[in-house]
Amino acid sequence: MAKRNASISVAGLAVPFRIWGQRFAFLGLLALAFALMLLSKAETGALERARTAIVDATAPVLDVMSRPVEAGQAAAQSVESYFVVRAENIRLREENERLLRWMLMAQQLEVENATLRAQLDFVPEIAPRAITARVVADTGGAFFHSLLINAGARHFVQRGQAVVSHGGLVGRVAEVGDRSARVLLLTDLNSRIPAIVESTGDRVIVTGNNTPWPTLTYLASNSPVSAGDRVLTSGHGGVFPPGLVIGVVAEASETRVTIQPAVPLSQVSEARVLDYGVNGILPPPEQVPARIAPRPADLAGPPVSPPDVPAASAASPASPAAAAETAR
């Protein structure tokens, strides 16, 4: 009985201390925080050494405690990756079967196309020659958009050739030097590119306006062109080969249709010049003056040679005075 009464008295005495501890724990922790702050300001070196020692002492413990967590995360990732790989495998099998059907159909169409071309004496497309040049200067500004590349006439670069980069059209060669050439971008005000809207078949002209978004002109008002439609070169006029990607329709309204170029023209560092053997409808600039402004000698025509005179007629005197002169 005495032991029971002693334990009850001890428990009764501990209750007030626990209540006071709960009441003043927050204040005690707050005071400890202020004390640590003051200590860090006063004894920076000592506090830094103490913190380093504590971190060194607790690092092995934290390492051991983190091993089970890392193992659990690895196991969860393995299980998750298993289900992901299984779903990916199913998708790839379906895609493989679909592509196999398309391949068989493409082979049949290829044979049929070759047969029809042979019957029609179809002229095969010319494989282009190409050269990759580096952009050495960006001469773009408020009034003109062009690039300067380090390839010229000695690298078979000619005026009017198409220039692409990363699969999209950049512009055309406007000026050619011996070792350099100037590329007129498709956003330039002077750029006009015959094109076709891939989804609708509408033939348009991609017109540059010195902004990042060229417009489509000569488009029918009732054309069902919508945002996202691809715009390709049509090949009309013999300036560009057909099928080069120009861009996609960015905005289609009743007043205008703008496109976003397939290549970010402000970030072009390398350009590829394509030679399809297309001369275009305009003569080279060096031939224009001779055709438009002929020389006076050309207007006068070739010199007229005198008619051939027979030898007998040349020997016979043409007049009495000539006969007298001959007798003399």
Foldseek 3Di string as FASTA:
>chain_A
DVVVVVVVVVVVVVVVVVVVCVVCVVVVVVVVVVVVVVCCVPCVPVVVVVVVVVCVVCVVVVVVVCVVVVVVVVVVVVVVVVVVVVVVVVVVVVVVVVVVVVVVVVVVVVVVVVVVCVVVVPDDAFDWDKDKWFFPDFPADQQFGKTKTQAFVVNVADFLWWKDDPQATFATWHAGDHGMTMGGGLQHQPHWAFKAFVPQRFIWIFGHDSDQWTWTPPGDLPGPADWFTWIWGPCPQLRYHTDRTQFTWHDDDNVTTIGHGPDPNVPDGMMMTICRVRCGDDHPPVCVCCVPPPDVVVVVPDDDDDDDDDPVVVPDDPDVVSVVVVVD
